[in-house]
Amino acid sequence: MVGKPHGVRGEVRIVAPAGDLAWWKSLSTVSLLRKDGTEFPVELASARSAGETILVSFKGYESRSAVETLRRAAILVPSEKLPSLPDGVYYHSDILGLSVETEDGVVLGRVEEIIETGANDVYVVRDGGRETLVPAIRQVIVLVEPERGRMVIRPMPGLLSEES
């Protein structure tokens, strides 16, 4: 995800699990997807390390105000170009759409959104009008099976409302 602007020359912080600078530098073009569904390609101009984050600039977006328009856009990279992740770590695209159920087999809905909190992600699971916020922590997430389209959770006390 495109994060907040850094400085005045059009750099942005990249919010993504792929923190490998060499990988970011190997990319020439990515697509960005805005919340409104608009998708468009952008060329990467530069990538550099800044502590534990990556700062990236895009051709044609050379100012802080220009890159501000890209903030919170999803970065789309063809799956064959994605670096492999360690066991138990997943890309957002692997998680979105999964059916979520408890260990007891109660289906809660599907992961429709992922909120990045800084400490851990939170999966927004919806089923009709019901919404459940599931923290992406080991104490709660029991099993993730993207190939089977499901996630099994162990709800912490108070996680589920009485009607769930």
Protein backbone atom coordinates (compact mmCIF):
# COMPACT_ATOMS: atom_id res chain seq x y z
CA MET A 1 0.00 0.00 0.00
CA VAL A 2 1.17 3.52 -0.75
CA GLY A 3 1.82 5.22 2.56
CA LYS A 4 2.23 8.84 3.53
CA PRO A 5 4.50 11.22 1.62
CA HIS A 6 8.07 11.69 2.84
CA GLY A 7 9.73 15.05 2.29
CA VAL A 8 8.87 17.39 -0.57
CA ARG A 9 10.33 15.58 -3.60
CA GLY A 10 7.60 13.02 -4.21
CA GLU A 11 8.77 10.06 -2.13
CA VAL A 12 6.24 7.87 -0.32
CA ARG A 13 6.58 5.24 2.36
CA ILE A 14 5.63 1.80 1.17
CA VAL A 15 3.44 -0.21 3.50
CA ALA A 16 4.04 -3.79 2.38
CA PRO A 17 5.45 -7.07 3.67
CA ALA A 18 8.11 -7.09 0.94
CA GLY A 19 10.69 -4.92 2.67
CA ASP A 20 13.53 -6.16 0.49
CA LEU A 21 15.10 -3.08 -1.11
CA ALA A 22 16.71 -5.08 -3.95
CA TRP A 23 13.29 -6.43 -4.90
CA TRP A 24 11.75 -2.95 -5.00
CA LYS A 25 14.65 -1.72 -7.14
CA SER A 26 14.10 -4.59 -9.59
CA LEU A 27 10.58 -3.36 -10.41
CA SER A 28 10.13 -0.93 -13.28
CA THR A 29 6.35 -0.61 -13.38
CA VAL A 30 3.55 -1.42 -10.96
CA SER A 31 -0.18 -0.75 -11.04
CA LEU A 32 -1.95 1.25 -8.37
CA LEU A 33 -5.54 0.61 -7.36
CA ARG A 34 -7.46 3.38 -5.62
CA LYS A 35 -10.35 2.70 -3.22
CA ASP A 36 -12.78 3.92 -5.91
CA GLY A 37 -11.65 1.04 -8.17
CA THR A 38 -9.48 3.15 -10.48
CA GLU A 39 -6.42 1.16 -11.60
CA PHE A 40 -3.48 2.68 -13.46
CA PRO A 41 0.20 1.88 -14.15
CA VAL A 42 3.08 3.94 -12.72
CA GLU A 43 6.81 3.75 -13.38
CA LEU A 44 9.14 3.55 -10.41
CA ALA A 45 11.78 6.29 -10.43
CA SER A 46 13.68 5.28 -7.30
CA ALA A 47 13.63 3.15 -4.18
CA ARG A 48 15.73 3.55 -1.08
CA SER A 49 15.85 2.30 2.46
CA ALA A 50 14.81 4.53 5.35
CA GLY A 51 15.12 2.57 8.56
CA GLU A 52 12.59 -0.24 8.48
CA THR A 53 10.59 1.20 5.58
CA ILE A 54 11.15 1.67 1.87
CA LEU A 55 10.83 5.10 0.26
CA VAL A 56 9.72 5.00 -3.37
CA SER A 57 9.20 7.68 -5.97
CA PHE A 58 7.18 7.42 -9.18
CA LYS A 59 7.85 9.11 -12.52
CA GLY A 60 5.45 11.99 -13.04
CA TYR A 61 4.83 12.44 -9.29
CA GLU A 62 7.71 14.72 -8.24
CA SER A 63 6.08 16.69 -5.41
CA ARG A 64 4.54 16.01 -2.04
CA SER A 65 1.11 17.17 -3.24
CA ALA A 66 1.31 14.93 -6.33
CA VAL A 67 2.05 11.76 -4.34
CA GLU A 68 -0.55 12.66 -1.73
CA THR A 69 -3.13 11.76 -4.42
CA LEU A 70 -1.74 8.20 -4.43
CA ARG A 71 -1.95 7.69 -0.67
CA ARG A 72 -3.63 4.44 0.46
CA ALA A 73 -3.70 3.04 -3.09
CA ALA A 74 -2.99 -0.69 -3.27
CA ILE A 75 0.17 -1.65 -5.14
CA LEU A 76 -0.51 -4.42 -7.65
CA VAL A 77 2.38 -6.58 -8.77
CA PRO A 78 2.02 -9.70 -10.93
CA SER A 79 2.19 -12.75 -8.65
CA GLU A 80 5.16 -14.19 -10.55
CA LYS A 81 7.19 -11.11 -9.52
CA LEU A 82 6.34 -11.32 -5.82
CA PRO A 83 9.04 -12.57 -3.49
CA SER A 84 8.20 -15.70 -1.53
CA LEU A 85 7.24 -15.20 2.08
CA PRO A 86 8.14 -17.25 5.14
CA ASP A 87 5.68 -19.88 6.36
CA GLY A 88 2.74 -18.32 8.16
CA VAL A 89 3.09 -14.95 6.40
CA TYR A 90 0.61 -14.05 3.66
CA TYR A 91 0.01 -11.30 1.15
CA HIS A 92 -3.22 -9.34 1.58
CA SER A 93 -4.42 -10.81 -1.72
CA ASP A 94 -4.14 -14.29 -0.11
CA ILE A 95 -6.32 -13.24 2.85
CA LEU A 96 -9.01 -11.09 1.21
CA GLY A 97 -12.08 -13.15 0.37
CA LEU A 98 -11.32 -16.07 2.69
CA SER A 99 -14.27 -17.61 4.52
CA VAL A 100 -13.71 -17.29 8.28
CA GLU A 101 -14.99 -19.86 10.75
CA THR A 102 -14.40 -20.69 14.39
CA GLU A 103 -12.80 -23.93 15.54
CA ASP A 104 -16.35 -25.07 16.31
CA GLY A 105 -17.33 -24.62 12.66
CA VAL A 106 -19.40 -21.45 13.07
CA VAL A 107 -19.03 -19.45 9.83
CA LEU A 108 -18.55 -15.74 10.55
CA GLY A 109 -18.35 -14.45 6.98
CA ARG A 110 -15.62 -13.42 4.56
CA VAL A 111 -12.57 -11.19 4.98
CA GLU A 112 -13.60 -8.06 3.08
CA GLU A 113 -11.02 -5.60 4.30
CA ILE A 114 -7.70 -5.47 6.13
CA ILE A 115 -6.93 -2.64 8.53
CA GLU A 116 -3.24 -2.01 9.16
CA THR A 117 -2.85 -0.80 12.73
CA GLY A 118 0.92 -0.82 13.09
CA ALA A 119 0.91 -3.47 15.82
CA ASN A 120 -0.94 -6.12 13.80
CA ASP A 121 -3.43 -6.26 10.97
CA VAL A 122 -7.13 -6.55 11.73
CA TYR A 123 -9.34 -8.56 9.37
CA VAL A 124 -12.79 -7.10 8.77
CA VAL A 125 -15.09 -10.10 8.38
CA ARG A 126 -18.57 -9.44 7.08
CA ASP A 127 -21.65 -11.59 6.67
CA GLY A 128 -24.61 -9.53 5.54
CA GLY A 129 -25.06 -6.79 8.11
CA ARG A 130 -22.85 -8.45 10.71
CA GLU A 131 -19.23 -7.34 11.02
CA THR A 132 -16.51 -9.00 13.09
CA LEU A 133 -13.06 -7.50 13.64
CA VAL A 134 -10.48 -10.28 13.91
CA PRO A 135 -6.96 -9.41 15.10
CA ALA A 136 -4.29 -11.09 12.98
CA ILE A 137 -2.38 -12.56 15.90
CA ARG A 138 -1.23 -16.12 16.60
CA GLN A 139 -3.51 -16.46 19.63
CA VAL A 140 -6.55 -15.98 17.36
CA ILE A 141 -5.61 -17.24 13.89
CA VAL A 142 -5.46 -21.04 14.04
CA LEU A 143 -5.27 -21.98 10.37
CA VAL A 144 -5.01 -20.12 7.06
CA GLU A 145 -5.70 -22.12 3.92
CA PRO A 146 -5.81 -19.80 0.90
CA GLU A 147 -5.90 -22.79 -1.45
CA ARG A 148 -9.12 -23.97 0.25
CA GLY A 149 -10.50 -20.44 0.65
CA ARG A 150 -10.77 -20.55 4.43
CA MET A 151 -9.39 -19.33 7.74
CA VAL A 152 -10.08 -20.88 11.13
CA ILE A 153 -9.96 -18.73 14.26
CA ARG A 154 -10.03 -19.24 18.02
CA PRO A 155 -12.04 -16.25 19.30
CA MET A 156 -10.70 -14.49 22.36
CA PRO A 157 -13.23 -13.71 25.10
CA GLY A 158 -15.36 -10.77 23.96
CA LEU A 159 -14.37 -11.02 20.29
CA LEU A 160 -17.75 -12.31 19.14
CA SER A 161 -21.04 -10.67 20.07
CA GLU A 162 -23.62 -12.78 21.89
CA GLU A 163 -25.57 -13.28 18.65
CA SER A 164 -22.62 -14.91 16.83
